[in-house]
Amino acid sequence: MRQRSTVSSDAVDRLTSINSDDGALAFLVRRDGRGAYVERVQHLSEIKMVSHIMRFDDLESFVRVYETDDLRFTYPLVYWRLRQVVEEIFEP
């Protein structure tokens, strides 16, 4: 599979980009006054991709979604970093 371009976390203000090494999975995380926005992009093939944009008001709602995503077992470092970034957003 060809390496896909990624977005540098410095490219957009207050945006964190988390990417798998093979480019098949990426998360864009942004903090706002009400919580966290998370975009999950999964490249299924050279021409197919799936994107979900979610907003979380609290850490508990994020964890419920996080724990149901089976790709966390395929890309454990990506998901570890994702959880770390979102936890930082909801720190008091």
Protein backbone atom coordinates (compact mmCIF):
# COMPACT_ATOMS: atom_id res chain seq x y z
CA MET A 1 0.00 0.00 0.00
CA ARG A 2 1.31 3.44 -0.91
CA GLN A 3 2.12 5.84 1.93
CA ARG A 4 -0.55 8.51 2.24
CA SER A 5 0.14 12.10 3.09
CA THR A 6 -0.53 13.14 6.64
CA VAL A 7 -1.29 16.44 8.28
CA SER A 8 1.40 17.86 10.53
CA SER A 9 0.07 18.83 13.94
CA ASP A 10 1.72 22.22 13.42
CA ALA A 11 -0.21 22.84 10.20
CA VAL A 12 -3.48 23.84 11.87
CA ASP A 13 -3.88 25.75 15.12
CA ARG A 14 -4.97 23.58 18.07
CA LEU A 15 -5.10 20.43 15.94
CA THR A 16 -3.28 17.22 16.81
CA SER A 17 -2.72 14.64 14.11
CA ILE A 18 -2.10 11.01 15.02
CA ASN A 19 -1.21 8.67 12.15
CA SER A 20 -0.38 5.00 11.76
CA ASP A 21 3.01 4.22 10.20
CA ASP A 22 1.37 2.65 7.15
CA GLY A 23 -0.99 5.60 6.60
CA ALA A 24 -4.09 3.43 6.83
CA LEU A 25 -5.46 5.13 9.94
CA ALA A 26 -5.38 8.72 11.13
CA PHE A 27 -7.03 10.79 13.83
CA LEU A 28 -7.35 14.55 13.94
CA VAL A 29 -8.14 15.85 17.41
CA ARG A 30 -9.14 19.40 18.27
CA ARG A 31 -10.04 20.96 21.59
CA ASP A 32 -12.79 23.54 21.85
CA GLY A 33 -14.61 25.20 24.70
CA ARG A 34 -17.16 22.39 24.99
CA GLY A 35 -14.98 19.30 24.64
CA ALA A 36 -13.09 17.44 21.94
CA TYR A 37 -13.65 16.93 18.23
CA VAL A 38 -12.17 13.71 16.85
CA GLU A 39 -12.03 12.82 13.17
CA ARG A 40 -11.18 9.19 12.43
CA VAL A 41 -10.02 8.46 8.86
CA GLN A 42 -9.49 4.88 7.74
CA HIS A 43 -8.12 4.18 4.26
CA LEU A 44 -9.64 0.92 3.04
CA SER A 45 -7.86 0.88 -0.33
CA GLU A 46 -6.24 3.26 -2.78
CA ILE A 47 -9.63 4.77 -3.65
CA LYS A 48 -11.83 4.03 -0.62
CA MET A 49 -11.81 5.67 2.77
CA VAL A 50 -14.17 6.06 5.69
CA SER A 51 -14.26 9.18 7.82
CA HIS A 52 -16.16 9.81 11.06
CA ILE A 53 -16.29 13.10 12.90
CA MET A 54 -17.36 12.95 16.52
CA ARG A 55 -17.68 15.49 19.32
CA PHE A 56 -17.27 14.42 22.93
CA ASP A 57 -18.47 16.47 25.90
CA ASP A 58 -16.64 14.36 28.48
CA LEU A 59 -13.99 11.69 28.82
CA GLU A 60 -16.51 8.96 29.65
CA SER A 61 -18.32 9.31 26.31
CA PHE A 62 -14.99 9.19 24.47
CA VAL A 63 -13.92 6.04 26.36
CA ARG A 64 -17.18 4.26 25.43
CA VAL A 65 -16.49 4.82 21.72
CA TYR A 66 -12.75 4.15 22.07
CA GLU A 67 -13.31 0.78 23.72
CA THR A 68 -15.65 -0.45 20.96
CA ASP A 69 -13.16 0.20 18.12
CA ASP A 70 -11.45 -3.11 17.28
CA LEU A 71 -8.67 -1.33 15.37
CA ARG A 72 -7.17 -0.40 18.74
CA PHE A 73 -5.74 -3.93 18.77
CA THR A 74 -4.22 -3.54 15.28
CA TYR A 75 -2.78 -0.07 15.98
CA PRO A 76 -2.14 0.00 19.75
CA LEU A 77 0.36 2.89 19.66
CA VAL A 78 -2.00 5.07 17.63
CA TYR A 79 -4.82 4.43 20.08
CA TRP A 80 -2.54 4.91 23.09
CA ARG A 81 -1.57 8.35 21.76
CA LEU A 82 -5.22 9.17 20.90
CA ARG A 83 -6.35 8.38 24.42
CA GLN A 84 -3.46 10.41 25.85
CA VAL A 85 -4.38 13.48 23.77
CA VAL A 86 -8.08 13.29 24.63
CA GLU A 87 -7.34 12.79 28.34
CA GLU A 88 -5.22 15.96 28.23
CA ILE A 89 -8.19 17.85 26.78
CA PHE A 90 -10.43 16.86 29.68
CA GLU A 91 -7.89 17.40 32.47
CA PRO A 92 -9.22 19.81 35.10
